[in-house]
């Protein structure tokens, strides 16, 4: 029995090393003082972290990515929340086809979707690059918003909604005071997943960007093409810390909400 537990422990350790090993290597290599990325580093320096804030293209592209991800997330939520509610609450003709349309951006390869949007959104309809980029990110976030919120609504007892309606509350008031508070955790999860999908997106963004407009991941790729210093490793470490802090904040907010209900 002990040998079996040791084998399981060793296997678990190997899995963690396989998953976390590349992240640890990147984090350690980001402190390399030399002009080339090396592991193990030949010393300790924070100059490449400082270099991130001195490169203007990183600052402008980061602002662009944040704006597009947040604004697109808001648009996707305004469209996806009522769509998820309607698909979960009602039975109507064409429901399966409509559900397939909403999830299609996930099924279609990103490079195909990006090229299609380039041809029709930018070239055919001649929309501004920034508007087209926002539209493209809204499209790729919409399936995540709908699927996650629909999963949360699957566990919601609509008899509670019927009780509220029977007691005189209007349908709109019932939706905001009864339905939404019960699926709040699902909405938070949907927004978080959609934001990460948009912020890290490359295949759509590479077709929707233009002169003077670039997202943060695209700018990182362009930087790697011409430089081999540890700046990208330093950016990766900051992004990992940003993601971990965001996850911790969401967990605390959801935990606070749970204890408040109790």
Protein backbone atom coordinates (compact mmCIF):
# COMPACT_ATOMS: atom_id res chain seq x y z
CA UNK A 1 0.00 0.00 0.00
CA UNK A 2 2.85 2.36 0.86
CA UNK A 3 4.60 1.59 -2.43
CA UNK A 4 1.37 2.37 -4.27
CA UNK A 5 1.04 5.72 -2.46
CA UNK A 6 4.69 6.52 -3.24
CA UNK A 7 4.15 5.75 -6.90
CA UNK A 8 1.05 7.96 -6.99
CA UNK A 9 2.92 10.74 -5.21
CA UNK A 10 5.84 10.50 -7.66
CA UNK A 11 3.47 10.54 -10.62
CA UNK A 12 1.68 13.61 -9.21
CA UNK A 13 5.02 15.35 -8.69
CA UNK A 14 6.00 14.67 -12.31
CA UNK A 15 2.70 16.10 -13.52
CA UNK A 16 3.24 19.28 -11.50
CA UNK A 17 6.79 19.60 -12.80
CA UNK A 18 5.55 19.15 -16.36
CA UNK A 19 2.92 21.86 -15.90
CA UNK A 20 4.88 24.33 -13.79
CA UNK A 21 8.40 23.66 -15.09
CA UNK A 22 8.19 25.95 -18.15
CA UNK A 23 6.68 28.74 -16.04
CA UNK A 24 9.49 28.46 -13.48
CA UNK A 25 12.14 28.48 -16.22
CA UNK A 26 10.61 31.62 -17.79
CA UNK A 27 10.37 33.34 -14.40
CA UNK A 28 14.01 32.60 -13.52
CA UNK A 29 15.30 33.54 -17.00
CA UNK A 30 13.58 36.93 -16.82
CA UNK A 31 16.23 38.08 -14.31
CA UNK A 32 19.11 37.49 -16.76
CA UNK A 33 21.33 40.63 -16.78
CA UNK A 34 22.72 39.96 -20.26
CA UNK A 35 21.22 40.97 -23.59
CA UNK A 36 20.21 37.39 -24.54
CA UNK A 37 17.71 35.04 -22.92
CA UNK A 38 19.61 32.36 -20.97
CA UNK A 39 18.83 29.63 -18.49
CA UNK A 40 20.18 29.46 -15.90
CA UNK A 41 20.80 33.23 -15.75
CA UNK A 42 24.34 34.50 -15.30
CA UNK A 43 23.30 36.98 -12.61
CA UNK A 44 20.35 38.96 -11.27
CA UNK A 45 18.86 42.09 -12.79
CA UNK A 46 15.50 43.84 -13.00
CA UNK A 47 16.40 45.94 -16.03
CA UNK A 48 14.20 43.95 -18.40
CA UNK A 49 11.19 44.61 -16.18
CA UNK A 50 12.07 48.29 -16.40
CA UNK A 51 12.43 47.95 -20.16
CA UNK A 52 8.75 46.92 -20.45
CA UNK A 53 7.62 50.37 -19.32
CA UNK A 54 10.20 52.15 -21.49
CA UNK A 55 8.99 50.57 -24.75
CA UNK A 56 6.12 52.77 -25.93
CA UNK A 57 4.57 50.11 -28.18
CA UNK A 58 3.95 47.86 -25.17
CA UNK A 59 2.12 50.61 -23.30
CA UNK A 60 -0.12 51.61 -26.20
CA UNK A 61 -0.92 48.02 -27.20
CA UNK A 62 -1.70 47.09 -23.58
CA UNK A 63 -4.19 49.96 -23.35
CA UNK A 64 -5.74 48.84 -26.65
CA UNK A 65 -6.06 45.22 -25.46
CA UNK A 66 -7.61 46.26 -22.16
CA UNK A 67 -10.13 48.57 -23.83
CA UNK A 68 -11.10 46.04 -26.50
CA UNK A 69 -11.40 43.20 -23.97
CA UNK A 70 -13.47 45.20 -21.47
CA UNK A 71 -15.69 46.95 -24.02
CA UNK A 72 -16.15 43.75 -26.04
CA UNK A 73 -16.91 41.88 -22.83
CA UNK A 74 -19.63 44.37 -21.96
CA UNK A 75 -21.18 44.10 -25.44
CA UNK A 76 -20.97 40.28 -25.35
CA UNK A 77 -22.61 40.25 -21.92
CA UNK A 78 -25.44 42.55 -23.05
CA UNK A 79 -26.09 40.21 -25.98
CA UNK A 80 -25.24 36.88 -24.35
CA UNK A 81 -27.14 37.21 -21.07
CA UNK A 82 -30.64 37.55 -22.62
CA UNK A 83 -29.71 34.95 -25.27
CA UNK A 84 -28.65 32.43 -22.60
CA UNK A 85 -31.82 33.15 -20.61
CA UNK A 86 -34.07 32.68 -23.64
CA UNK A 87 -32.33 29.45 -24.69
CA UNK A 88 -32.61 28.05 -21.15
CA UNK A 89 -36.08 29.30 -20.28
CA UNK A 90 -38.19 28.85 -23.41
CA UNK A 91 -38.91 26.22 -26.05
CA UNK A 92 -39.37 27.57 -29.55
CA UNK A 93 -38.88 26.55 -33.17
CA UNK A 94 -35.32 26.96 -34.41
CA UNK A 95 -33.81 26.84 -30.93
CA UNK A 96 -31.20 24.22 -31.89
CA UNK A 97 -30.18 26.17 -34.99
CA UNK A 98 -29.89 29.40 -33.02
CA UNK A 99 -27.82 27.65 -30.35
CA UNK A 100 -25.50 26.29 -33.06
CA UNK A 101 -25.07 29.79 -34.52
CA UNK A 102 -24.11 31.21 -31.14
CA UNK A 103 -21.48 28.52 -30.52
CA UNK A 104 -20.10 28.51 -34.08
CA UNK A 105 -17.23 31.01 -33.40
CA UNK A 106 -15.71 28.39 -31.09
CA UNK A 107 -16.04 25.56 -33.63
CA UNK A 108 -14.63 27.50 -36.60
CA UNK A 109 -10.80 27.68 -36.67
CA UNK A 110 -9.66 31.11 -35.53
CA UNK A 111 -7.60 31.80 -38.63
CA UNK A 112 -10.62 31.07 -40.86
CA UNK A 113 -12.88 33.30 -38.78
CA UNK A 114 -10.26 36.05 -38.72
CA UNK A 115 -9.77 35.99 -42.49
CA UNK A 116 -13.54 35.99 -43.06
CA UNK A 117 -14.00 39.01 -40.82
CA UNK A 118 -11.11 40.78 -42.56
CA UNK A 119 -12.74 40.22 -45.96
CA UNK A 120 -16.28 41.22 -45.06
CA UNK A 121 -16.02 43.53 -42.04
CA UNK A 122 -13.01 45.61 -43.06
CA UNK A 123 -12.72 45.25 -46.85
CA UNK A 124 -16.36 44.88 -47.93
CA UNK A 125 -18.05 47.14 -45.36
CA UNK A 126 -15.00 49.38 -44.90
CA UNK A 127 -15.34 49.69 -41.12
CA UNK A 128 -12.57 51.43 -39.16
CA UNK A 129 -9.89 49.08 -37.84
CA UNK A 130 -10.64 49.84 -34.18
CA UNK A 131 -14.37 49.21 -34.66
CA UNK A 132 -13.68 45.98 -36.56
CA UNK A 133 -11.29 44.81 -33.84
CA UNK A 134 -13.91 45.47 -31.16
CA UNK A 135 -16.55 43.64 -33.20
CA UNK A 136 -14.26 40.65 -33.76
CA UNK A 137 -13.47 40.29 -30.06
CA UNK A 138 -17.15 40.60 -29.18
CA UNK A 139 -17.91 37.72 -31.55
CA UNK A 140 -15.27 35.41 -30.03
CA UNK A 141 -16.38 36.23 -26.46
CA UNK A 142 -20.09 35.71 -27.07
CA UNK A 143 -20.04 31.86 -27.09
CA UNK A 144 -18.21 31.74 -23.75
CA UNK A 145 -20.67 34.17 -22.18
CA UNK A 146 -23.68 32.21 -23.45
CA UNK A 147 -22.41 28.72 -22.60
CA UNK A 148 -21.23 29.51 -19.06
CA UNK A 149 -24.35 31.49 -18.12
CA UNK A 150 -26.58 28.82 -19.70
CA UNK A 151 -24.82 26.21 -17.56
CA UNK A 152 -25.55 28.30 -14.48
CA UNK A 153 -29.21 28.69 -15.52
CA UNK A 154 -29.46 24.91 -15.94
CA UNK A 155 -29.18 24.64 -12.14
CA UNK A 156 -31.69 27.41 -11.50
CA UNK A 157 -35.21 26.43 -10.44
CA UNK A 158 -37.52 28.51 -12.63
CA UNK A 159 -40.36 27.73 -10.21
CA UNK A 160 -38.93 30.54 -8.07
CA UNK A 161 -39.38 32.92 -10.99
CA UNK A 162 -42.96 31.71 -11.49
CA UNK A 163 -43.65 32.31 -7.80
CA UNK A 164 -42.37 35.87 -8.07
CA UNK A 165 -44.56 36.51 -11.12
CA UNK A 166 -47.61 35.05 -9.39
CA UNK A 167 -47.06 37.41 -6.45
CA UNK A 168 -47.35 40.46 -8.67
CA UNK A 169 -43.77 41.26 -9.65
CA UNK A 170 -43.25 42.11 -13.30
CA UNK A 171 -41.13 39.92 -15.53
CA UNK A 172 -38.36 42.52 -15.81
CA UNK A 173 -38.27 43.13 -12.05
CA UNK A 174 -38.26 39.37 -11.42
CA UNK A 175 -35.34 38.93 -13.78
CA UNK A 176 -33.20 41.55 -12.03
CA UNK A 177 -34.19 40.76 -8.42
CA UNK A 178 -34.67 36.98 -8.53
CA UNK A 179 -32.87 35.43 -11.50
CA UNK A 180 -29.69 37.53 -11.68
CA UNK A 181 -28.70 37.22 -7.99
CA UNK A 182 -28.95 33.43 -8.25
CA UNK A 183 -26.66 33.20 -11.29
CA UNK A 184 -24.20 35.90 -10.21
CA UNK A 185 -21.33 33.45 -9.84
CA UNK A 186 -21.97 32.11 -13.35
CA UNK A 187 -21.93 35.65 -14.78
CA UNK A 188 -18.65 36.43 -13.02
CA UNK A 189 -17.10 33.22 -14.33
CA UNK A 190 -18.35 33.93 -17.87
CA UNK A 191 -16.94 37.47 -17.83
CA UNK A 192 -13.58 36.25 -16.53
CA UNK A 193 -13.24 33.45 -19.08
CA UNK A 194 -14.31 35.73 -21.93
CA UNK A 195 -11.86 38.45 -20.84
CA UNK A 196 -8.93 36.03 -20.78
CA UNK A 197 -9.93 34.61 -24.17
CA UNK A 198 -10.06 38.09 -25.68
CA UNK A 199 -6.91 39.48 -24.05
CA UNK A 200 -4.78 36.50 -25.13
CA UNK A 201 -6.30 36.17 -28.61
CA UNK A 202 -3.90 36.15 -31.56
CA UNK A 203 -5.57 34.46 -34.55
CA UNK A 204 -8.45 36.97 -34.78
CA UNK A 205 -6.41 40.02 -33.77
CA UNK A 206 -3.70 39.45 -36.37
CA UNK A 207 -6.29 40.00 -39.13
CA UNK A 208 -8.17 42.85 -37.44
CA UNK A 209 -5.23 45.13 -36.54
CA UNK A 210 -3.76 47.78 -38.77
CA UNK A 211 -1.28 50.67 -38.90
CA UNK A 212 -0.96 52.22 -35.44
CA UNK A 213 -3.40 49.75 -33.86
CA UNK A 214 -2.12 46.53 -32.34
CA UNK A 215 -3.08 44.32 -29.41
CA UNK A 216 -0.65 43.31 -26.68
CA UNK A 217 -0.12 39.65 -27.79
CA UNK A 218 0.50 40.77 -31.39
CA UNK A 219 3.02 43.35 -30.19
CA UNK A 220 4.80 40.66 -28.17
CA UNK A 221 5.11 38.50 -31.31
CA UNK A 222 6.47 41.43 -33.30
CA UNK A 223 9.01 42.16 -30.58
CA UNK A 224 10.23 38.54 -30.51
CA UNK A 225 10.83 38.64 -34.28
CA UNK A 226 13.48 41.34 -33.87
CA UNK A 227 14.77 40.85 -30.30
CA UNK A 228 15.93 37.92 -28.20
CA UNK A 229 16.35 39.64 -24.85
CA UNK A 230 14.46 38.59 -21.67
CA UNK A 231 11.86 41.35 -22.00
CA UNK A 232 9.16 38.91 -23.18
CA UNK A 233 10.01 36.58 -20.27
CA UNK A 234 9.55 39.52 -17.89
CA UNK A 235 6.21 40.37 -19.50
CA UNK A 236 5.13 36.74 -19.12
CA UNK A 237 5.90 36.84 -15.40
CA UNK A 238 3.85 40.02 -14.95
CA UNK A 239 0.95 38.51 -16.89
CA UNK A 240 1.07 35.39 -14.71
CA UNK A 241 1.00 37.54 -11.56
CA UNK A 242 -1.85 39.63 -13.01
CA UNK A 243 -3.88 36.50 -13.78
CA UNK A 244 -3.22 35.01 -10.33
CA UNK A 245 -4.24 38.28 -8.62
CA UNK A 246 -7.40 38.46 -10.74
CA UNK A 247 -8.34 34.88 -9.87
CA UNK A 248 -7.70 35.55 -6.17
CA UNK A 249 -9.86 38.68 -6.27
CA UNK A 250 -12.73 36.84 -7.99
CA UNK A 251 -12.48 33.99 -5.48
CA UNK A 252 -12.63 36.44 -2.56
CA UNK A 253 -15.61 38.27 -4.04
CA UNK A 254 -17.49 35.04 -4.66
CA UNK A 255 -16.64 33.82 -1.15
CA UNK A 256 -17.84 37.09 0.37
CA UNK A 257 -21.06 36.83 -1.61
CA UNK A 258 -21.60 33.26 -0.34
CA UNK A 259 -21.14 34.18 3.33
CA UNK A 260 -23.37 37.25 2.94
CA UNK A 261 -26.18 35.02 1.71
CA UNK A 262 -25.65 32.68 4.63
